[in-house]
Amino acid sequence: MITCKQFPGKTFNSKEEVFKHLRENVSKIIAVKKATIHKSFENGCVFSGFLLKEDGNIGKVGPQMKEDYIYPVINTTRYLDMHDDAHFDGIWNKSVKEQNGKIFYVTDHETKIDSIIAWPEDVNVMVKSVPWSFVGKDYQGNTEALIYEIPKDKLVHEGAKKIIEDKRPVQNSVRMQYVTIKLAMNSTAKEDITYKEYYDKRINEIANKDVAEAQGYFFGIEEAKIVTEGSMVIRGSNDATPIRQKDTVAVDDTTEKIEPPVGTQAKQSIFSNLKLVR
């Protein structure tokens, strides 16, 4: 028997039966995905890393990272998450242009005064290409990372500053809403020709494509928009350093392999007893 996350509690006799149910319900599934405000740490696609590529030049880390700045990586592309969604390169381009200077950096996705780490005027939002090894994954090639560049002297949350200084194992997450979604299915049915064409077009871009190939389908996210903030969060099974600084970056490829996430991250606050200071 086969299960499908899009139809909880239901089992299927074959992939073809799964494809049929996806085809018949694709409009409803996409409508729900678009209507939902997602937090990427809940989707299992939160990574950590740092700015590496600038003007097509990979490997020159130092010149790209400014002294006395932090570089939280908020989200990355080309990875199939636990909700069968794969973000693709270019997903953030429109939103970054429209919202740069309007996005908060906060704790635990809380939009409260005492949860603010940095105010929007101090958060430079950008998209850069980084190799998978530098975001804790043992895959070939690069991923597009949504990165915040923030001056250390503009961090207003005492607890967050201490965590950054101590290099605690925290991660980052984006609050987002999907704009453009496409269903991909490895189906031979004539009714699914469009879904098959999209599957063939995108499957080799997914770093963990073995997961997509095993289930035979995924939802490609071509565009999403940032909603208000990106967050510092905890993920207990990940001990990689999530926030990069110029004086802590290694230039060789020795990042420890970290297994892909297998479940929803627990919402565990690390800030409940910390206060905001300016």
Foldseek 3Di string as FASTA:
>chain_A
DDDALLDPPDHDDDLVVVVVVCLVCVVVSVVVQQVDFDKVLQQQFWWAFFAADDPNDGQPPQVVFDAQKKKFFAGKFQAQTPNQEGEAPPQEVVQLVVCQLQAFEFALPDPDPFGTQAHRNFWRWDKHWDAPLRRQADFGDIIITTIIIGGNVRGFFPVVNVCVVVLFQWTKIFGKGFDDKDKAFCDPDPSCPVNPVVCVVRLVSHRVSVVCVVSGIGMYGHYMHTDRYMYIFHAPQDGDRRMDHSVPDDSDRPRHHDDRDDHGGDSDGPPPPTGTGD
